[in-house]
Amino acid sequence: MSLFDQQESYLTELLTSVSGKLITELQKENLRLTQENANLKLSLNNCKEQLIDKKAIALKFLIMQDIVERMTALRVHRITLPYERKEIDEEDEPNGIRLEISQAMLNSVIDERQVIDYSLYLPTGMNYNMNFLKLVEHTTVDSIDTEEGEKDISQNEKETNVEADVVYVPCLQQRHFKDIEYLRKILPNVFFDMFAIQHDKLSMFYGSLQKFLTNGIPE
């Protein structure tokens, strides 16, 4: 074998060895990058899911915040009796209350075409107290400015003699009794009452609401 042939054989073996090592390293690097890419895709999908969940929670919170802030425009809460919307735990004990919230009146004008319904869950321990009144036959009214209106309303309620729904009119500020008087005139068989959320407690209410929404309170 000539010197040229020997050098050619040596270079061929060296090239084969180097290329083999290079291919092995490239395969290892490709495997590492493939695994890293898969992990990044998984992490990205998890981030997308978390973002969707956070957006859903944020949307629910904004809806509830909108409900509370717009209470000054008079929103009516209708609760079907007897207590059908109370949340019950495994031991048949109430562990919270769900309110059906509707915008049935805005600026003292009834417009049935623009009724917006929401469901608000108030868990026990939320420090948000709500007392319910079951009314079979309501024949008296709270303080109203007009005595004649009071007589007319009481007379209408006596004539209907039906079991009335209880409608709570929420407000951030105490509303004038003329609003209640107006409602009772157009719906004489329904008793209207009020509850209020104090302005200085509103941030606490929002915080508690967001906490329970984050924890997956059922709709």
C-alpha atoms as a PDB file:
ATOM      1  CA  MET A   1       0.000   0.000   0.000  1.00  0.00           C
ATOM      2  CA  SER A   2       1.397   3.335  -1.033  1.00  0.00           C
ATOM      3  CA  LEU A   3       1.786   6.288   1.272  1.00  0.00           C
ATOM      4  CA  PHE A   4      -1.094   8.006  -0.483  1.00  0.00           C
ATOM      5  CA  ASP A   5      -3.385   5.071   0.107  1.00  0.00           C
ATOM      6  CA  GLN A   6      -2.426   4.967   3.781  1.00  0.00           C
ATOM      7  CA  GLN A   7      -3.191   8.667   4.229  1.00  0.00           C
ATOM      8  CA  GLU A   8      -6.491   8.261   2.410  1.00  0.00           C
ATOM      9  CA  SER A   9      -7.467   5.348   4.642  1.00  0.00           C
ATOM     10  CA  TYR A  10      -6.484   7.286   7.770  1.00  0.00           C
ATOM     11  CA  LEU A  11      -8.470  10.342   6.721  1.00  0.00           C
ATOM     12  CA  THR A  12     -11.477   8.188   5.871  1.00  0.00           C
ATOM     13  CA  GLU A  13     -11.438   6.542   9.321  1.00  0.00           C
ATOM     14  CA  LEU A  14     -10.944   9.928  10.999  1.00  0.00           C
ATOM     15  CA  LEU A  15     -13.832  11.432   9.034  1.00  0.00           C
ATOM     16  CA  THR A  16     -16.047   8.493   9.908  1.00  0.00           C
ATOM     17  CA  SER A  17     -15.199   8.812  13.602  1.00  0.00           C
ATOM     18  CA  VAL A  18     -15.703  12.573  13.686  1.00  0.00           C
ATOM     19  CA  SER A  19     -18.942  12.434  11.715  1.00  0.00           C
ATOM     20  CA  GLY A  20     -20.235   9.671  13.997  1.00  0.00           C
ATOM     21  CA  LYS A  21     -19.501  11.728  17.094  1.00  0.00           C
ATOM     22  CA  LEU A  22     -21.029  14.811  15.484  1.00  0.00           C
ATOM     23  CA  ILE A  23     -24.180  12.925  14.528  1.00  0.00           C
ATOM     24  CA  THR A  24     -24.440  11.556  18.068  1.00  0.00           C
ATOM     25  CA  GLU A  25     -24.074  15.023  19.567  1.00  0.00           C
ATOM     26  CA  LEU A  26     -26.602  16.445  17.122  1.00  0.00           C
ATOM     27  CA  GLN A  27     -29.073  13.700  17.998  1.00  0.00           C
ATOM     28  CA  LYS A  28     -28.633  14.414  21.713  1.00  0.00           C
ATOM     29  CA  GLU A  29     -29.062  18.144  21.143  1.00  0.00           C
ATOM     30  CA  ASN A  30     -32.100  17.557  18.953  1.00  0.00           C
ATOM     31  CA  LEU A  31     -33.652  15.351  21.641  1.00  0.00           C
ATOM     32  CA  ARG A  32     -32.947  17.992  24.289  1.00  0.00           C
ATOM     33  CA  LEU A  33     -34.450  20.747  22.163  1.00  0.00           C
ATOM     34  CA  THR A  34     -37.474  18.570  21.350  1.00  0.00           C
ATOM     35  CA  GLN A  35     -38.103  17.935  25.052  1.00  0.00           C
ATOM     36  CA  GLU A  36     -37.574  21.603  25.871  1.00  0.00           C
ATOM     37  CA  ASN A  37     -39.986  22.605  23.110  1.00  0.00           C
ATOM     38  CA  ALA A  38     -42.586  20.153  24.422  1.00  0.00           C
ATOM     39  CA  ASN A  39     -42.205  21.573  27.946  1.00  0.00           C
ATOM     40  CA  LEU A  40     -42.529  25.120  26.625  1.00  0.00           C
ATOM     41  CA  LYS A  41     -45.682  24.178  24.693  1.00  0.00           C
ATOM     42  CA  LEU A  42     -47.138  22.567  27.816  1.00  0.00           C
ATOM     43  CA  SER A  43     -46.266  25.637  29.870  1.00  0.00           C
ATOM     44  CA  LEU A  44     -47.792  27.885  27.201  1.00  0.00           C
ATOM     45  CA  ASN A  45     -51.015  25.860  27.176  1.00  0.00           C
ATOM     46  CA  ASN A  46     -51.170  26.035  30.977  1.00  0.00           C
ATOM     47  CA  CYS A  47     -50.661  29.798  30.838  1.00  0.00           C
ATOM     48  CA  LYS A  48     -53.425  30.086  28.233  1.00  0.00           C
ATOM     49  CA  GLU A  49     -55.802  28.065  30.419  1.00  0.00           C
ATOM     50  CA  GLN A  50     -54.928  30.166  33.463  1.00  0.00           C
ATOM     51  CA  LEU A  51     -55.463  33.318  31.423  1.00  0.00           C
ATOM     52  CA  ILE A  52     -58.871  32.066  30.290  1.00  0.00           C
ATOM     53  CA  ASP A  53     -59.802  31.248  33.899  1.00  0.00           C
ATOM     54  CA  LYS A  54     -58.597  34.640  35.121  1.00  0.00           C
ATOM     55  CA  LYS A  55     -60.491  36.405  32.339  1.00  0.00           C
ATOM     56  CA  ALA A  56     -63.643  34.466  33.263  1.00  0.00           C
ATOM     57  CA  ILE A  57     -63.211  35.384  36.936  1.00  0.00           C
ATOM     58  CA  ALA A  58     -62.491  38.993  36.022  1.00  0.00           C
ATOM     59  CA  LEU A  59     -65.594  39.092  33.825  1.00  0.00           C
ATOM     60  CA  LYS A  60     -67.786  37.706  36.602  1.00  0.00           C
ATOM     61  CA  PHE A  61     -66.319  40.192  39.037  1.00  0.00           C
ATOM     62  CA  LEU A  62     -66.902  43.100  36.645  1.00  0.00           C
ATOM     63  CA  ILE A  63     -70.499  41.979  36.167  1.00  0.00           C
ATOM     64  CA  MET A  64     -71.046  41.870  39.919  1.00  0.00           C
ATOM     65  CA  GLN A  65     -69.280  45.189  40.384  1.00  0.00           C
ATOM     66  CA  ASP A  66     -71.485  46.683  37.693  1.00  0.00           C
ATOM     67  CA  ILE A  67     -74.549  45.337  39.467  1.00  0.00           C
ATOM     68  CA  VAL A  68     -73.592  46.889  42.785  1.00  0.00           C
ATOM     69  CA  GLU A  69     -72.536  50.222  41.309  1.00  0.00           C
ATOM     70  CA  ARG A  70     -75.727  50.516  39.281  1.00  0.00           C
ATOM     71  CA  MET A  71     -77.930  49.902  42.286  1.00  0.00           C
ATOM     72  CA  THR A  72     -78.302  53.656  42.586  1.00  0.00           C
ATOM     73  CA  ALA A  73     -80.322  53.424  39.362  1.00  0.00           C
ATOM     74  CA  LEU A  74     -82.759  51.160  41.221  1.00  0.00           C
ATOM     75  CA  ARG A  75     -82.397  47.456  40.597  1.00  0.00           C
ATOM     76  CA  VAL A  76     -85.089  45.090  41.813  1.00  0.00           C
ATOM     77  CA  HIS A  77     -84.191  41.782  43.457  1.00  0.00           C
ATOM     78  CA  ARG A  78     -87.044  39.292  43.188  1.00  0.00           C
ATOM     79  CA  ILE A  79     -86.892  36.261  45.469  1.00  0.00           C
ATOM     80  CA  THR A  80     -89.382  33.450  44.933  1.00  0.00           C
ATOM     81  CA  LEU A  81     -90.887  32.164  48.156  1.00  0.00           C
ATOM     82  CA  PRO A  82     -90.712  30.001  50.121  1.00  0.00           C
ATOM     83  CA  TYR A  83     -86.906  30.310  50.086  1.00  0.00           C
ATOM     84  CA  GLU A  84     -86.423  28.202  46.973  1.00  0.00           C
ATOM     85  CA  ARG A  85     -83.108  29.848  46.169  1.00  0.00           C
ATOM     86  CA  LYS A  86     -81.321  29.097  49.434  1.00  0.00           C
ATOM     87  CA  GLU A  87     -78.187  27.012  48.944  1.00  0.00           C
ATOM     88  CA  ILE A  88     -78.340  23.843  51.068  1.00  0.00           C
ATOM     89  CA  ASP A  89     -75.376  21.735  52.210  1.00  0.00           C
ATOM     90  CA  GLU A  90     -75.294  17.955  52.708  1.00  0.00           C
ATOM     91  CA  GLU A  91     -76.940  18.281  56.127  1.00  0.00           C
ATOM     92  CA  ASP A  92     -79.801  20.355  54.722  1.00  0.00           C
ATOM     93  CA  GLU A  93     -78.457  23.465  56.413  1.00  0.00           C
ATOM     94  CA  PRO A  94     -78.368  26.757  54.507  1.00  0.00           C
ATOM     95  CA  ASN A  95     -74.763  27.631  53.675  1.00  0.00           C
ATOM     96  CA  GLY A  96     -75.465  30.646  51.518  1.00  0.00           C
ATOM     97  CA  ILE A  97     -78.080  32.501  49.526  1.00  0.00           C
ATOM     98  CA  ARG A  98     -78.397  33.076  45.804  1.00  0.00           C
ATOM     99  CA  LEU A  99     -80.161  36.242  44.674  1.00  0.00           C
ATOM    100  CA  GLU A 100     -81.811  36.605  41.308  1.00  0.00           C
ATOM    101  CA  ILE A 101     -81.009  40.141  40.234  1.00  0.00           C
ATOM    102  CA  SER A 102     -82.880  41.942  37.489  1.00  0.00           C
ATOM    103  CA  GLN A 103     -82.869  45.470  36.197  1.00  0.00           C
ATOM    104  CA  ALA A 104     -86.622  45.869  36.056  1.00  0.00           C
ATOM    105  CA  MET A 105     -86.733  49.564  36.738  1.00  0.00           C
ATOM    106  CA  LEU A 106     -84.385  52.366  35.725  1.00  0.00           C
ATOM    107  CA  ASN A 107     -84.988  56.027  36.550  1.00  0.00           C
ATOM    108  CA  SER A 108     -88.536  55.165  37.684  1.00  0.00           C
ATOM    109  CA  VAL A 109     -89.508  53.882  34.224  1.00  0.00           C
ATOM    110  CA  ILE A 110     -90.490  50.259  33.751  1.00  0.00           C
ATOM    111  CA  ASP A 111     -89.174  48.782  30.507  1.00  0.00           C
ATOM    112  CA  GLU A 112     -89.720  45.041  30.192  1.00  0.00           C
ATOM    113  CA  ARG A 113     -87.784  44.964  26.915  1.00  0.00           C
ATOM    114  CA  GLN A 114     -84.522  45.744  28.662  1.00  0.00           C
ATOM    115  CA  VAL A 115     -84.490  43.316  31.568  1.00  0.00           C
ATOM    116  CA  ILE A 116     -81.020  42.055  32.455  1.00  0.00           C
ATOM    117  CA  ASP A 117     -80.811  39.075  34.828  1.00  0.00           C
ATOM    118  CA  TYR A 118     -77.847  37.998  36.930  1.00  0.00           C
ATOM    119  CA  SER A 119     -77.343  35.494  39.728  1.00  0.00           C
ATOM    120  CA  LEU A 120     -75.427  36.568  42.828  1.00  0.00           C
ATOM    121  CA  TYR A 121     -74.299  33.956  45.375  1.00  0.00           C
ATOM    122  CA  LEU A 122     -73.766  35.125  48.949  1.00  0.00           C
ATOM    123  CA  PRO A 123     -72.029  32.376  50.965  1.00  0.00           C
ATOM    124  CA  THR A 124     -72.339  32.091  54.722  1.00  0.00           C
ATOM    125  CA  GLY A 125     -69.408  33.754  56.435  1.00  0.00           C
ATOM    126  CA  MET A 126     -69.186  36.494  53.855  1.00  0.00           C
ATOM    127  CA  ASN A 127     -70.257  39.057  56.456  1.00  0.00           C
ATOM    128  CA  TYR A 128     -73.081  40.103  54.168  1.00  0.00           C
ATOM    129  CA  ASN A 129     -76.288  39.756  56.144  1.00  0.00           C
ATOM    130  CA  MET A 130     -79.617  39.399  54.419  1.00  0.00           C
ATOM    131  CA  ASN A 131     -82.917  38.825  56.186  1.00  0.00           C
ATOM    132  CA  PHE A 132     -85.868  37.413  54.301  1.00  0.00           C
ATOM    133  CA  LEU A 133     -89.481  38.273  54.880  1.00  0.00           C
ATOM    134  CA  LYS A 134     -92.201  35.798  53.988  1.00  0.00           C
ATOM    135  CA  LEU A 135     -95.393  37.701  53.302  1.00  0.00           C
ATOM    136  CA  VAL A 136     -98.760  35.955  52.959  1.00  0.00           C
ATOM    137  CA  GLU A 137    -101.041  38.969  52.974  1.00  0.00           C
ATOM    138  CA  HIS A 138     -99.508  42.421  53.205  1.00  0.00           C
ATOM    139  CA  THR A 139    -102.013  45.095  54.246  1.00  0.00           C
ATOM    140  CA  THR A 140     -99.689  47.780  55.617  1.00  0.00           C
ATOM    141  CA  VAL A 141     -96.957  49.871  54.078  1.00  0.00           C
ATOM    142  CA  ASP A 142     -93.938  51.743  55.355  1.00  0.00           C
ATOM    143  CA  SER A 143     -93.842  55.517  55.636  1.00  0.00           C
ATOM    144  CA  ILE A 144     -95.034  57.055  52.383  1.00  0.00           C
ATOM    145  CA  ASP A 145     -95.387  60.728  51.697  1.00  0.00           C
ATOM    146  CA  THR A 146     -98.939  60.599  50.340  1.00  0.00           C
ATOM    147  CA  GLU A 147    -101.680  59.319  52.645  1.00  0.00           C
ATOM    148  CA  GLU A 148    -104.104  58.778  49.766  1.00  0.00           C
ATOM    149  CA  GLY A 149    -101.558  56.642  47.982  1.00  0.00           C
ATOM    150  CA  GLU A 150    -101.129  54.582  51.128  1.00  0.00           C
ATOM    151  CA  LYS A 151    -104.885  53.987  51.400  1.00  0.00           C
ATOM    152  CA  ASP A 152    -105.193  53.040  47.735  1.00  0.00           C
ATOM    153  CA  ILE A 153    -102.279  50.619  47.939  1.00  0.00           C
ATOM    154  CA  SER A 154    -103.535  48.953  51.129  1.00  0.00           C
ATOM    155  CA  GLN A 155    -107.004  48.582  49.613  1.00  0.00           C
ATOM    156  CA  ASN A 156    -105.593  47.011  46.452  1.00  0.00           C
ATOM    157  CA  GLU A 157    -103.546  44.570  48.519  1.00  0.00           C
ATOM    158  CA  LYS A 158    -106.612  43.564  50.508  1.00  0.00           C
ATOM    159  CA  GLU A 159    -108.580  42.986  47.333  1.00  0.00           C
ATOM    160  CA  THR A 160    -105.938  40.772  45.757  1.00  0.00           C
ATOM    161  CA  ASN A 161    -105.628  38.586  48.879  1.00  0.00           C
ATOM    162  CA  VAL A 162    -102.813  36.570  47.315  1.00  0.00           C
ATOM    163  CA  GLU A 163     -99.463  35.389  48.561  1.00  0.00           C
ATOM    164  CA  ALA A 164     -97.035  38.074  47.410  1.00  0.00           C
ATOM    165  CA  ASP A 165     -93.491  37.841  46.177  1.00  0.00           C
ATOM    166  CA  VAL A 166     -90.954  39.820  48.138  1.00  0.00           C
ATOM    167  CA  VAL A 167     -88.990  42.316  46.095  1.00  0.00           C
ATOM    168  CA  TYR A 168     -85.908  43.921  47.569  1.00  0.00           C
ATOM    169  CA  VAL A 169     -84.907  47.295  46.151  1.00  0.00           C
ATOM    170  CA  PRO A 170     -81.157  47.644  46.797  1.00  0.00           C
ATOM    171  CA  CYS A 171     -79.481  51.006  47.063  1.00  0.00           C
ATOM    172  CA  LEU A 172     -76.105  52.443  47.975  1.00  0.00           C
ATOM    173  CA  GLN A 173     -77.872  55.546  49.227  1.00  0.00           C
ATOM    174  CA  GLN A 174     -81.224  55.641  50.958  1.00  0.00           C
ATOM    175  CA  ARG A 175     -83.862  56.047  48.284  1.00  0.00           C
ATOM    176  CA  HIS A 176     -86.866  58.331  48.545  1.00  0.00           C
ATOM    177  CA  PHE A 177     -90.098  56.612  49.568  1.00  0.00           C
ATOM    178  CA  LYS A 178     -91.828  57.956  46.454  1.00  0.00           C
ATOM    179  CA  ASP A 179     -89.922  55.291  44.478  1.00  0.00           C
ATOM    180  CA  ILE A 180     -91.435  52.578  46.641  1.00  0.00           C
ATOM    181  CA  GLU A 181     -94.829  54.259  46.440  1.00  0.00           C
ATOM    182  CA  TYR A 182     -94.638  54.201  42.640  1.00  0.00           C
ATOM    183  CA  LEU A 183     -93.722  50.522  42.568  1.00  0.00           C
ATOM    184  CA  ARG A 184     -96.500  49.575  44.945  1.00  0.00           C
ATOM    185  CA  LYS A 185     -99.059  51.426  42.858  1.00  0.00           C
ATOM    186  CA  ILE A 186     -98.213  49.562  39.664  1.00  0.00           C
ATOM    187  CA  LEU A 187     -97.693  46.218  41.476  1.00  0.00           C
ATOM    188  CA  PRO A 188    -100.134  46.271  44.412  1.00  0.00           C
ATOM    189  CA  ASN A 189     -99.811  42.560  45.171  1.00  0.00           C
ATOM    190  CA  VAL A 190     -96.038  42.745  45.654  1.00  0.00           C
ATOM    191  CA  PHE A 191     -94.381  43.961  48.812  1.00  0.00           C
ATOM    192  CA  PHE A 192     -91.241  46.068  48.331  1.00  0.00           C
ATOM    193  CA  ASP A 193     -88.505  46.466  50.900  1.00  0.00           C
ATOM    194  CA  MET A 194     -85.016  47.986  50.921  1.00  0.00           C
ATOM    195  CA  PHE A 195     -81.529  47.014  51.937  1.00  0.00           C
ATOM    196  CA  ALA A 196     -78.391  49.093  51.579  1.00  0.00           C
ATOM    197  CA  ILE A 197     -74.667  48.523  51.123  1.00  0.00           C
ATOM    198  CA  GLN A 198     -72.705  51.203  52.938  1.00  0.00           C
ATOM    199  CA  HIS A 199     -70.182  53.086  50.843  1.00  0.00           C
ATOM    200  CA  ASP A 200     -67.341  52.435  53.291  1.00  0.00           C
ATOM    201  CA  LYS A 201     -68.096  48.682  53.143  1.00  0.00           C
ATOM    202  CA  LEU A 202     -68.160  48.487  49.355  1.00  0.00           C
ATOM    203  CA  SER A 203     -64.444  47.699  48.936  1.00  0.00           C
ATOM    204  CA  MET A 204     -64.783  44.897  51.506  1.00  0.00           C
ATOM    205  CA  PHE A 205     -67.793  43.557  49.611  1.00  0.00           C
ATOM    206  CA  TYR A 206     -65.844  43.565  46.338  1.00  0.00           C
ATOM    207  CA  GLY A 207     -62.871  41.855  47.991  1.00  0.00           C
ATOM    208  CA  SER A 208     -65.030  39.104  49.475  1.00  0.00           C
ATOM    209  CA  LEU A 209     -66.890  38.686  46.206  1.00  0.00           C
ATOM    210  CA  GLN A 210     -63.680  38.327  44.199  1.00  0.00           C
ATOM    211  CA  LYS A 211     -62.314  35.846  46.743  1.00  0.00           C
ATOM    212  CA  PHE A 212     -65.348  33.578  46.471  1.00  0.00           C
ATOM    213  CA  LEU A 213     -65.427  33.854  42.672  1.00  0.00           C
ATOM    214  CA  THR A 214     -61.758  32.824  42.580  1.00  0.00           C
ATOM    215  CA  ASN A 215     -62.532  29.826  44.773  1.00  0.00           C
ATOM    216  CA  GLY A 216     -65.112  28.661  42.254  1.00  0.00           C
ATOM    217  CA  ILE A 217     -68.390  29.520  43.867  1.00  0.00           C
ATOM    218  CA  PRO A 218     -71.121  27.839  41.740  1.00  0.00           C
ATOM    219  CA  GLU A 219     -73.184  29.970  39.439  1.00  0.00           C
END
